[in-house]
Protein backbone atom coordinates (compact mmCIF):
# COMPACT_ATOMS: atom_id res chain seq x y z
CA MET A 1 0.10 -6.06 -6.80
CA ILE A 2 -1.75 -5.40 -3.54
CA LEU A 3 -4.29 -7.65 -1.85
CA GLU A 4 -7.10 -5.95 0.03
CA LEU A 5 -8.55 -8.34 2.60
CA ALA A 6 -11.90 -7.36 4.10
CA ASP A 7 -13.28 -9.44 6.96
CA ILE A 8 -17.03 -8.80 6.84
CA ARG A 9 -19.64 -9.80 9.43
CA ILE A 10 -23.26 -9.50 8.40
CA GLN A 11 -26.54 -9.57 10.30
CA PRO A 12 -27.79 -13.11 11.09
CA GLY A 13 -30.25 -14.58 8.62
CA LYS A 14 -29.28 -12.25 5.78
CA GLN A 15 -26.86 -14.56 3.95
CA ALA A 16 -28.94 -15.15 0.80
CA GLU A 17 -29.64 -11.44 0.38
CA PHE A 18 -26.01 -10.52 1.05
CA ASP A 19 -24.76 -13.16 -1.40
CA GLU A 20 -26.71 -11.40 -4.15
CA ALA A 21 -25.74 -7.92 -2.98
CA ILE A 22 -21.99 -8.55 -2.80
CA GLN A 23 -21.96 -10.14 -6.26
CA ARG A 24 -23.95 -7.24 -7.70
CA GLY A 25 -21.75 -4.67 -5.95
CA LEU A 26 -18.56 -6.30 -7.21
CA ALA A 27 -19.88 -6.38 -10.78
CA GLN A 28 -21.30 -2.82 -10.76
CA THR A 29 -18.62 -0.93 -8.86
CA ILE A 30 -15.37 -2.56 -7.80
CA SER A 31 -14.70 -4.49 -11.01
CA LYS A 32 -14.83 -1.22 -12.97
CA ALA A 33 -12.41 0.67 -10.71
CA THR A 34 -9.00 1.92 -11.78
CA GLY A 35 -6.34 -0.65 -10.93
CA TYR A 36 -8.77 -3.49 -10.24
CA LEU A 37 -7.14 -6.84 -11.10
CA GLY A 38 -9.62 -9.38 -9.74
CA HIS A 39 -11.40 -10.61 -6.63
CA LYS A 40 -12.49 -13.60 -4.57
CA ALA A 41 -15.38 -13.64 -2.11
CA GLN A 42 -15.62 -16.47 0.39
CA LYS A 43 -18.36 -17.23 2.92
CA GLY A 44 -17.91 -18.90 6.27
CA VAL A 45 -18.81 -22.53 6.79
CA GLU A 46 -18.62 -22.60 10.60
CA SER A 47 -19.56 -18.91 10.84
CA PRO A 48 -22.23 -18.30 8.18
CA GLU A 49 -22.40 -14.56 8.91
CA ARG A 50 -18.68 -14.13 8.14
CA TYR A 51 -17.33 -13.31 4.68
CA LEU A 52 -13.81 -12.71 3.40
CA LEU A 53 -13.50 -10.41 0.41
CA MET A 54 -10.17 -10.38 -1.37
CA VAL A 55 -9.66 -7.71 -4.02
CA TYR A 56 -6.45 -7.51 -6.04
CA TRP A 57 -5.29 -4.00 -6.95
CA ALA A 58 -2.37 -2.83 -9.08
CA THR A 59 -1.31 -0.35 -6.36
CA LEU A 60 -2.36 0.52 -2.82
CA GLU A 61 -3.48 3.94 -4.03
CA ASN A 62 -5.85 2.35 -6.54
CA HIS A 63 -7.85 1.16 -3.54
CA THR A 64 -7.22 3.83 -0.91
CA VAL A 65 -7.46 6.86 -3.19
CA ASP A 66 -8.86 6.04 -6.64
CA PHE A 67 -11.67 3.81 -5.38
CA ARG A 68 -12.30 4.90 -1.79
CA GLU A 69 -12.50 8.59 -2.76
CA SER A 70 -14.78 8.00 -5.76
CA PRO A 71 -18.58 7.96 -6.11
CA ALA A 72 -18.25 4.22 -6.83
CA PHE A 73 -17.28 3.62 -3.18
CA THR A 74 -20.47 5.32 -2.02
CA GLU A 75 -22.45 3.17 -4.45
CA TRP A 76 -20.64 0.01 -3.20
CA ARG A 77 -21.42 0.82 0.44
CA GLY A 78 -25.03 1.53 -0.46
CA ILE A 79 -25.36 -1.96 -1.92
CA VAL A 80 -23.56 -4.00 0.77
CA GLY A 81 -23.49 -1.71 3.80
CA PRO A 82 -27.08 -2.31 4.98
CA PHE A 83 -26.16 -5.94 5.73
CA PHE A 84 -23.09 -5.22 7.89
CA ALA A 85 -23.26 -6.15 11.57
CA GLY A 86 -20.28 -3.84 12.14
CA ALA A 87 -17.56 -2.10 10.19
CA PRO A 88 -15.49 -4.54 8.11
CA GLN A 89 -11.87 -5.06 9.14
CA VAL A 90 -9.75 -4.14 6.11
CA GLU A 91 -6.01 -4.66 5.66
CA HIS A 92 -3.63 -4.65 2.71
CA PHE A 93 -0.96 -7.21 1.86
CA SER A 94 1.84 -7.59 -0.65
CA LEU A 95 2.75 -11.00 -2.05
CA LEU A 96 5.65 -12.83 -0.45
CA THR A 97 5.39 -16.17 -2.24
CA GLU A 98 2.82 -18.35 -4.01
CA SER A 99 2.45 -21.84 -5.41
CA ALA A 100 2.59 -22.52 -9.14
């Protein structure tokens, strides 16, 4: 399993609109992608324009190839992209350990 971690900064004052957009985008595009295993989206308390999106994929290629090279990625960016203050910082992680 691979964790995609996206650190997203949005334009100030757009939180309510982005909250709706990210939930809609996850439901319409990412959750239907090959290898999608689940997600968590968190919003900043001290930094209200900062969001962390965690998407769990079966393989790295499910994200980097299957999703990113599909029309669904274009649809996803069309839904959430207009709110971005800059390009999200995206990295991938493999699990080392977890609690029960």
